[in-house]
Every structure is written in C-alpha cells, then in structure tokens.
Amino acid sequence: MESSNQVKLTEIVFREGDMYVAYNPEFDVSSCDRTMKKSKSNLAEAISLFIEEAARQGTLENIINERLLLLGRS
C-alpha cells in the first residue's frame, strides 16, 4: 500500500494591470497569466518545478524547515 503525504499550500491571486498574479507564500513562488485559471495552473507547475529542483540539489528539507520557521508553523 502506498503512502501519500499531502500538504495544503496557500494560493493568493491578485490582479496587476491586465495580468493575474498567483503567489504561494510558503515557497515564495509566483506566476502570472492573463487569466486567473491559467495563472493558478502556472503556479502549480512552478511550485512543482521548485520542489523537484530543490530535491535534486538536496536542499528541499532545509528549505521546508526554513519556511516553516519563517511562517511560524514549526
């Protein structure tokens, strides 16, 4: 049986000019597009790529611990 860990991440979307900006404060990652739906989709992809690259570099655990401390979630 596979185990799945799921974490809820914050998604803040705001309009800046003619663009929608989607922001995730836990990882300090953002993305944008002309539609809200696409900006959210782009954010999900950006977070995924951020996590994959941090894991590849061996820094993911440190990043997560640092962000939890900064956000008061430790």
PDB file of N, CA and C in Angstrom:
ATOM      1  N   MET A   1       0.836  -1.176   0.000  1.00  0.00           N
ATOM      2  CA  MET A   1       0.000   0.000   0.000  1.00  0.00           C
ATOM      3  C   MET A   1       0.881   1.239   0.000  1.00  0.00           C
ATOM      4  N   GLU A   2       0.585   2.182  -0.900  1.00  0.00           N
ATOM      5  CA  GLU A   2       1.373   3.398  -0.993  1.00  0.00           C
ATOM      6  C   GLU A   2       0.887   4.430   0.009  1.00  0.00           C
ATOM      7  N   SER A   3       1.821   5.168   0.554  1.00  0.00           N
ATOM      8  CA  SER A   3       1.505   6.251   1.471  1.00  0.00           C
ATOM      9  C   SER A   3       1.588   7.566   0.717  1.00  0.00           C
ATOM     10  N   SER A   4       0.652   8.451   0.964  1.00  0.00           N
ATOM     11  CA  SER A   4       0.647   9.741   0.292  1.00  0.00           C
ATOM     12  C   SER A   4       0.588  10.844   1.326  1.00  0.00           C
ATOM     13  N   ASN A   5       1.583  11.706   1.298  1.00  0.00           N
ATOM     14  CA  ASN A   5       1.578  12.871   2.170  1.00  0.00           C
ATOM     15  C   ASN A   5       1.074  14.063   1.376  1.00  0.00           C
ATOM     16  N   GLN A   6       0.077  14.724   1.908  1.00  0.00           N
ATOM     17  CA  GLN A   6      -0.459  15.894   1.242  1.00  0.00           C
ATOM     18  C   GLN A   6      -0.345  17.090   2.169  1.00  0.00           C
ATOM     19  N   VAL A   7       0.004  18.210   1.586  1.00  0.00           N
ATOM     20  CA  VAL A   7       0.144  19.447   2.329  1.00  0.00           C
ATOM     21  C   VAL A   7      -0.689  20.504   1.627  1.00  0.00           C
ATOM     22  N   LYS A   8      -1.449  21.251   2.396  1.00  0.00           N
ATOM     23  CA  LYS A   8      -2.205  22.357   1.814  1.00  0.00           C
ATOM     24  C   LYS A   8      -1.302  23.568   1.725  1.00  0.00           C
ATOM     25  N   LEU A   9      -1.232  24.155   0.546  1.00  0.00           N
ATOM     26  CA  LEU A   9      -0.437  25.344   0.335  1.00  0.00           C
ATOM     27  C   LEU A   9      -1.360  26.530   0.061  1.00  0.00           C
ATOM     28  N   THR A  10      -0.898  27.694   0.457  1.00  0.00           N
ATOM     29  CA  THR A  10      -1.666  28.915   0.260  1.00  0.00           C
ATOM     30  C   THR A  10      -1.517  29.393  -1.175  1.00  0.00           C
ATOM     31  N   GLU A  11      -2.617  29.863  -1.718  1.00  0.00           N
ATOM     32  CA  GLU A  11      -2.609  30.416  -3.070  1.00  0.00           C
ATOM     33  C   GLU A  11      -3.301  31.774  -3.009  1.00  0.00           C
ATOM     34  N   ILE A  12      -2.552  32.817  -3.275  1.00  0.00           N
ATOM     35  CA  ILE A  12      -3.096  34.174  -3.276  1.00  0.00           C
ATOM     36  C   ILE A  12      -3.083  34.651  -4.724  1.00  0.00           C
ATOM     37  N   VAL A  13      -4.231  35.091  -5.205  1.00  0.00           N
ATOM     38  CA  VAL A  13      -4.312  35.572  -6.582  1.00  0.00           C
ATOM     39  C   VAL A  13      -4.778  37.020  -6.555  1.00  0.00           C
ATOM     40  N   PHE A  14      -4.059  37.863  -7.289  1.00  0.00           N
ATOM     41  CA  PHE A  14      -4.460  39.263  -7.383  1.00  0.00           C
ATOM     42  C   PHE A  14      -4.210  39.757  -8.798  1.00  0.00           C
ATOM     43  N   ARG A  15      -4.867  40.843  -9.107  1.00  0.00           N
ATOM     44  CA  ARG A  15      -4.735  41.401 -10.451  1.00  0.00           C
ATOM     45  C   ARG A  15      -3.714  42.526 -10.429  1.00  0.00           C
ATOM     46  N   GLU A  16      -2.851  42.518 -11.423  1.00  0.00           N
ATOM     47  CA  GLU A  16      -1.865  43.573 -11.588  1.00  0.00           C
ATOM     48  C   GLU A  16      -1.902  44.000 -13.047  1.00  0.00           C
ATOM     49  N   GLY A  17      -2.532  45.130 -13.297  1.00  0.00           N
ATOM     50  CA  GLY A  17      -2.741  45.568 -14.682  1.00  0.00           C
ATOM     51  C   GLY A  17      -3.672  44.599 -15.385  1.00  0.00           C
ATOM     52  N   ASP A  18      -3.250  44.082 -16.525  1.00  0.00           N
ATOM     53  CA  ASP A  18      -4.086  43.127 -17.258  1.00  0.00           C
ATOM     54  C   ASP A  18      -3.681  41.676 -16.986  1.00  0.00           C
ATOM     55  N   MET A  19      -2.879  41.482 -15.950  1.00  0.00           N
ATOM     56  CA  MET A  19      -2.415  40.135 -15.600  1.00  0.00           C
ATOM     57  C   MET A  19      -2.937  39.711 -14.236  1.00  0.00           C
ATOM     58  N   TYR A  20      -3.115  38.399 -14.074  1.00  0.00           N
ATOM     59  CA  TYR A  20      -3.402  37.813 -12.770  1.00  0.00           C
ATOM     60  C   TYR A  20      -2.105  37.213 -12.243  1.00  0.00           C
ATOM     61  N   VAL A  21      -1.798  37.537 -11.003  1.00  0.00           N
ATOM     62  CA  VAL A  21      -0.599  37.018 -10.366  1.00  0.00           C
ATOM     63  C   VAL A  21      -1.042  36.020  -9.298  1.00  0.00           C
ATOM     64  N   ALA A  22      -0.503  34.819  -9.350  1.00  0.00           N
ATOM     65  CA  ALA A  22      -0.776  33.785  -8.342  1.00  0.00           C
ATOM     66  C   ALA A  22       0.497  33.620  -7.530  1.00  0.00           C
ATOM     67  N   TYR A  23       0.346  33.676  -6.196  1.00  0.00           N
ATOM     68  CA  TYR A  23       1.508  33.677  -5.310  1.00  0.00           C
ATOM     69  C   TYR A  23       1.348  32.640  -4.219  1.00  0.00           C
ATOM     70  N   ASN A  24       2.444  31.951  -3.922  1.00  0.00           N
ATOM     71  CA  ASN A  24       2.487  30.982  -2.831  1.00  0.00           C
ATOM     72  C   ASN A  24       3.516  31.444  -1.804  1.00  0.00           C
ATOM     73  N   PRO A  25       3.049  31.893  -0.611  1.00  0.00           N
ATOM     74  CA  PRO A  25       3.986  32.402   0.390  1.00  0.00           C
ATOM     75  C   PRO A  25       4.846  31.328   1.052  1.00  0.00           C
ATOM     76  N   GLU A  26       4.383  30.089   1.112  1.00  0.00           N
ATOM     77  CA  GLU A  26       5.177  29.036   1.755  1.00  0.00           C
ATOM     78  C   GLU A  26       6.518  28.843   1.066  1.00  0.00           C
ATOM     79  N   PHE A  27       6.535  28.883  -0.252  1.00  0.00           N
ATOM     80  CA  PHE A  27       7.776  28.710  -1.004  1.00  0.00           C
ATOM     81  C   PHE A  27       8.232  30.005  -1.671  1.00  0.00           C
ATOM     82  N   ASP A  28       7.478  31.082  -1.489  1.00  0.00           N
ATOM     83  CA  ASP A  28       7.794  32.380  -2.089  1.00  0.00           C
ATOM     84  C   ASP A  28       7.943  32.237  -3.600  1.00  0.00           C
ATOM     85  N   VAL A  29       6.945  31.582  -4.203  1.00  0.00           N
ATOM     86  CA  VAL A  29       6.923  31.325  -5.640  1.00  0.00           C
ATOM     87  C   VAL A  29       5.694  32.004  -6.222  1.00  0.00           C
ATOM     88  N   SER A  30       5.847  32.591  -7.390  1.00  0.00           N
ATOM     89  CA  SER A  30       4.697  33.211  -8.042  1.00  0.00           C
ATOM     90  C   SER A  30       4.730  32.928  -9.536  1.00  0.00           C
ATOM     91  N   SER A  31       3.582  33.165 -10.153  1.00  0.00           N
ATOM     92  CA  SER A  31       3.449  33.021 -11.589  1.00  0.00           C
ATOM     93  C   SER A  31       2.318  33.934 -12.037  1.00  0.00           C
ATOM     94  N   CYS A  32       2.204  34.146 -13.333  1.00  0.00           N
ATOM     95  CA  CYS A  32       1.144  35.037 -13.801  1.00  0.00           C
ATOM     96  C   CYS A  32       0.660  34.615 -15.186  1.00  0.00           C
ATOM     97  N   ASP A  33      -0.484  35.169 -15.537  1.00  0.00           N
ATOM     98  CA  ASP A  33      -1.049  34.970 -16.867  1.00  0.00           C
ATOM     99  C   ASP A  33      -2.205  35.949 -17.036  1.00  0.00           C
ATOM    100  N   ARG A  34      -2.764  35.985 -18.212  1.00  0.00           N
ATOM    101  CA  ARG A  34      -3.885  36.903 -18.482  1.00  0.00           C
ATOM    102  C   ARG A  34      -5.211  36.398 -17.916  1.00  0.00           C
ATOM    103  N   THR A  35      -5.277  35.113 -17.562  1.00  0.00           N
ATOM    104  CA  THR A  35      -6.496  34.587 -16.942  1.00  0.00           C
ATOM    105  C   THR A  35      -6.174  34.044 -15.553  1.00  0.00           C
ATOM    106  N   MET A  36      -7.150  34.109 -14.655  1.00  0.00           N
ATOM    107  CA  MET A  36      -6.949  33.616 -13.303  1.00  0.00           C
ATOM    108  C   MET A  36      -6.687  32.112 -13.314  1.00  0.00           C
ATOM    109  N   LYS A  37      -7.459  31.386 -14.113  1.00  0.00           N
ATOM    110  CA  LYS A  37      -7.308  29.940 -14.170  1.00  0.00           C
ATOM    111  C   LYS A  37      -5.900  29.546 -14.605  1.00  0.00           C
ATOM    112  N   LYS A  38      -5.389  30.190 -15.630  1.00  0.00           N
ATOM    113  CA  LYS A  38      -4.054  29.859 -16.143  1.00  0.00           C
ATOM    114  C   LYS A  38      -2.965  30.288 -15.170  1.00  0.00           C
ATOM    115  N   SER A  39      -3.164  31.419 -14.477  1.00  0.00           N
ATOM    116  CA  SER A  39      -2.147  31.838 -13.502  1.00  0.00           C
ATOM    117  C   SER A  39      -2.056  30.832 -12.362  1.00  0.00           C
ATOM    118  N   LYS A  40      -3.194  30.267 -11.952  1.00  0.00           N
ATOM    119  CA  LYS A  40      -3.194  29.237 -10.907  1.00  0.00           C
ATOM    120  C   LYS A  40      -2.525  27.959 -11.403  1.00  0.00           C
ATOM    121  N   SER A  41      -2.802  27.590 -12.636  1.00  0.00           N
ATOM    122  CA  SER A  41      -2.175  26.409 -13.233  1.00  0.00           C
ATOM    123  C   SER A  41      -0.663  26.606 -13.346  1.00  0.00           C
ATOM    124  N   ASN A  42      -0.257  27.793 -13.773  1.00  0.00           N
ATOM    125  CA  ASN A  42       1.166  28.106 -13.877  1.00  0.00           C
ATOM    126  C   ASN A  42       1.840  28.059 -12.505  1.00  0.00           C
ATOM    127  N   LEU A  43       1.142  28.528 -11.470  1.00  0.00           N
ATOM    128  CA  LEU A  43       1.693  28.496 -10.119  1.00  0.00           C
ATOM    129  C   LEU A  43       1.915  27.056  -9.661  1.00  0.00           C
ATOM    130  N   ALA A  44       0.943  26.196  -9.901  1.00  0.00           N
ATOM    131  CA  ALA A  44       1.083  24.787  -9.513  1.00  0.00           C
ATOM    132  C   ALA A  44       2.308  24.174 -10.193  1.00  0.00           C
ATOM    133  N   GLU A  45       2.507  24.482 -11.461  1.00  0.00           N
ATOM    134  CA  GLU A  45       3.666  23.964 -12.187  1.00  0.00           C
ATOM    135  C   GLU A  45       4.960  24.549 -11.625  1.00  0.00           C
ATOM    136  N   ALA A  46       4.959  25.847 -11.318  1.00  0.00           N
ATOM    137  CA  ALA A  46       6.158  26.498 -10.773  1.00  0.00           C
ATOM    138  C   ALA A  46       6.534  25.903  -9.417  1.00  0.00           C
ATOM    139  N   ILE A  47       5.543  25.643  -8.574  1.00  0.00           N
ATOM    140  CA  ILE A  47       5.812  25.029  -7.267  1.00  0.00           C
ATOM    141  C   ILE A  47       6.378  23.626  -7.455  1.00  0.00           C
ATOM    142  N   SER A  48       5.781  22.867  -8.350  1.00  0.00           N
ATOM    143  CA  SER A  48       6.258  21.510  -8.622  1.00  0.00           C
ATOM    144  C   SER A  48       7.707  21.521  -9.098  1.00  0.00           C
ATOM    145  N   LEU A  49       8.031  22.411 -10.021  1.00  0.00           N
ATOM    146  CA  LEU A  49       9.398  22.507 -10.533  1.00  0.00           C
ATOM    147  C   LEU A  49      10.363  22.964  -9.433  1.00  0.00           C
ATOM    148  N   PHE A  50       9.923  23.896  -8.595  1.00  0.00           N
ATOM    149  CA  PHE A  50      10.743  24.371  -7.477  1.00  0.00           C
ATOM    150  C   PHE A  50      11.073  23.218  -6.539  1.00  0.00           C
ATOM    151  N   ILE A  51      10.066  22.432  -6.188  1.00  0.00           N
ATOM    152  CA  ILE A  51      10.261  21.301  -5.274  1.00  0.00           C
ATOM    153  C   ILE A  51      11.164  20.246  -5.903  1.00  0.00           C
ATOM    154  N   GLU A  52      10.924  19.918  -7.171  1.00  0.00           N
ATOM    155  CA  GLU A  52      11.758  18.936  -7.863  1.00  0.00           C
ATOM    156  C   GLU A  52      13.222  19.363  -7.901  1.00  0.00           C
ATOM    157  N   GLU A  53      13.470  20.635  -8.213  1.00  0.00           N
ATOM    158  CA  GLU A  53      14.845  21.117  -8.305  1.00  0.00           C
ATOM    159  C   GLU A  53      15.511  21.157  -6.934  1.00  0.00           C
ATOM    160  N   ALA A  54      14.780  21.584  -5.908  1.00  0.00           N
ATOM    161  CA  ALA A  54      15.336  21.602  -4.550  1.00  0.00           C
ATOM    162  C   ALA A  54      15.663  20.181  -4.092  1.00  0.00           C
ATOM    163  N   ALA A  55      14.801  19.235  -4.416  1.00  0.00           N
ATOM    164  CA  ALA A  55      15.065  17.837  -4.058  1.00  0.00           C
ATOM    165  C   ALA A  55      16.297  17.323  -4.804  1.00  0.00           C
ATOM    166  N   ARG A  56      16.405  17.672  -6.078  1.00  0.00           N
ATOM    167  CA  ARG A  56      17.547  17.239  -6.881  1.00  0.00           C
ATOM    168  C   ARG A  56      18.855  17.787  -6.314  1.00  0.00           C
ATOM    169  N   GLN A  57      18.816  19.021  -5.821  1.00  0.00           N
ATOM    170  CA  GLN A  57      20.009  19.650  -5.262  1.00  0.00           C
ATOM    171  C   GLN A  57      20.260  19.252  -3.807  1.00  0.00           C
ATOM    172  N   GLY A  58      19.312  18.536  -3.210  1.00  0.00           N
ATOM    173  CA  GLY A  58      19.462  18.106  -1.828  1.00  0.00           C
ATOM    174  C   GLY A  58      19.177  19.193  -0.807  1.00  0.00           C
ATOM    175  N   THR A  59      18.427  20.220  -1.213  1.00  0.00           N
ATOM    176  CA  THR A  59      18.149  21.346  -0.305  1.00  0.00           C
ATOM    177  C   THR A  59      16.688  21.433   0.124  1.00  0.00           C
ATOM    178  N   LEU A  60      15.849  20.514  -0.322  1.00  0.00           N
ATOM    179  CA  LEU A  60      14.422  20.609  -0.058  1.00  0.00           C
ATOM    180  C   LEU A  60      14.104  20.608   1.435  1.00  0.00           C
ATOM    181  N   GLU A  61      14.704  19.700   2.191  1.00  0.00           N
ATOM    182  CA  GLU A  61      14.419  19.620   3.625  1.00  0.00           C
ATOM    183  C   GLU A  61      14.797  20.931   4.326  1.00  0.00           C
ATOM    184  N   ASN A  62      15.946  21.488   3.971  1.00  0.00           N
ATOM    185  CA  ASN A  62      16.359  22.758   4.567  1.00  0.00           C
ATOM    186  C   ASN A  62      15.398  23.885   4.215  1.00  0.00           C
ATOM    187  N   ILE A  63      14.963  23.936   2.972  1.00  0.00           N
ATOM    188  CA  ILE A  63      14.028  24.975   2.535  1.00  0.00           C
ATOM    189  C   ILE A  63      12.714  24.854   3.297  1.00  0.00           C
ATOM    190  N   ILE A  64      12.200  23.649   3.406  1.00  0.00           N
ATOM    191  CA  ILE A  64      10.936  23.439   4.113  1.00  0.00           C
ATOM    192  C   ILE A  64      11.064  23.850   5.572  1.00  0.00           C
ATOM    193  N   ASN A  65      12.121  23.430   6.236  1.00  0.00           N
ATOM    194  CA  ASN A  65      12.314  23.794   7.643  1.00  0.00           C
ATOM    195  C   ASN A  65      12.445  25.304   7.816  1.00  0.00           C
ATOM    196  N   GLU A  66      13.176  25.949   6.937  1.00  0.00           N
ATOM    197  CA  GLU A  66      13.357  27.399   6.990  1.00  0.00           C
ATOM    198  C   GLU A  66      12.027  28.123   6.803  1.00  0.00           C
ATOM    199  N   ARG A  67      11.251  27.677   5.825  1.00  0.00           N
ATOM    200  CA  ARG A  67       9.962  28.325   5.551  1.00  0.00           C
ATOM    201  C   ARG A  67       8.985  28.109   6.700  1.00  0.00           C
ATOM    202  N   LEU A  68       9.004  26.932   7.300  1.00  0.00           N
ATOM    203  CA  LEU A  68       8.119  26.679   8.439  1.00  0.00           C
ATOM    204  C   LEU A  68       8.461  27.601   9.603  1.00  0.00           C
ATOM    205  N   LEU A  69       9.744  27.802   9.841  1.00  0.00           N
ATOM    206  CA  LEU A  69      10.166  28.721  10.890  1.00  0.00           C
ATOM    207  C   LEU A  69       9.722  30.146  10.599  1.00  0.00           C
ATOM    208  N   LEU A  70       9.931  30.588   9.371  1.00  0.00           N
ATOM    209  CA  LEU A  70       9.550  31.945   8.992  1.00  0.00           C
ATOM    210  C   LEU A  70       8.049  32.175   9.073  1.00  0.00           C
ATOM    211  N   LEU A  71       7.288  31.140   8.780  1.00  0.00           N
ATOM    212  CA  LEU A  71       5.828  31.262   8.794  1.00  0.00           C
ATOM    213  C   LEU A  71       5.224  30.883  10.142  1.00  0.00           C
ATOM    214  N   GLY A  72       6.071  30.554  11.118  1.00  0.00           N
ATOM    215  CA  GLY A  72       5.602  30.235  12.453  1.00  0.00           C
ATOM    216  C   GLY A  72       4.839  28.936  12.534  1.00  0.00           C
ATOM    217  N   ARG A  73       5.211  27.958  11.726  1.00  0.00           N
ATOM    218  CA  ARG A  73       4.494  26.675  11.687  1.00  0.00           C
ATOM    219  C   ARG A  73       5.327  25.525  12.207  1.00  0.00           C
ATOM    220  N   SER A  74       6.365  25.808  12.927  1.00  0.00           N
ATOM    221  CA  SER A  74       7.210  24.713  13.419  1.00  0.00           C
ATOM    222  C   SER A  74       6.675  24.169  14.723  1.00  0.00           C
TER     223      SER A  74
END
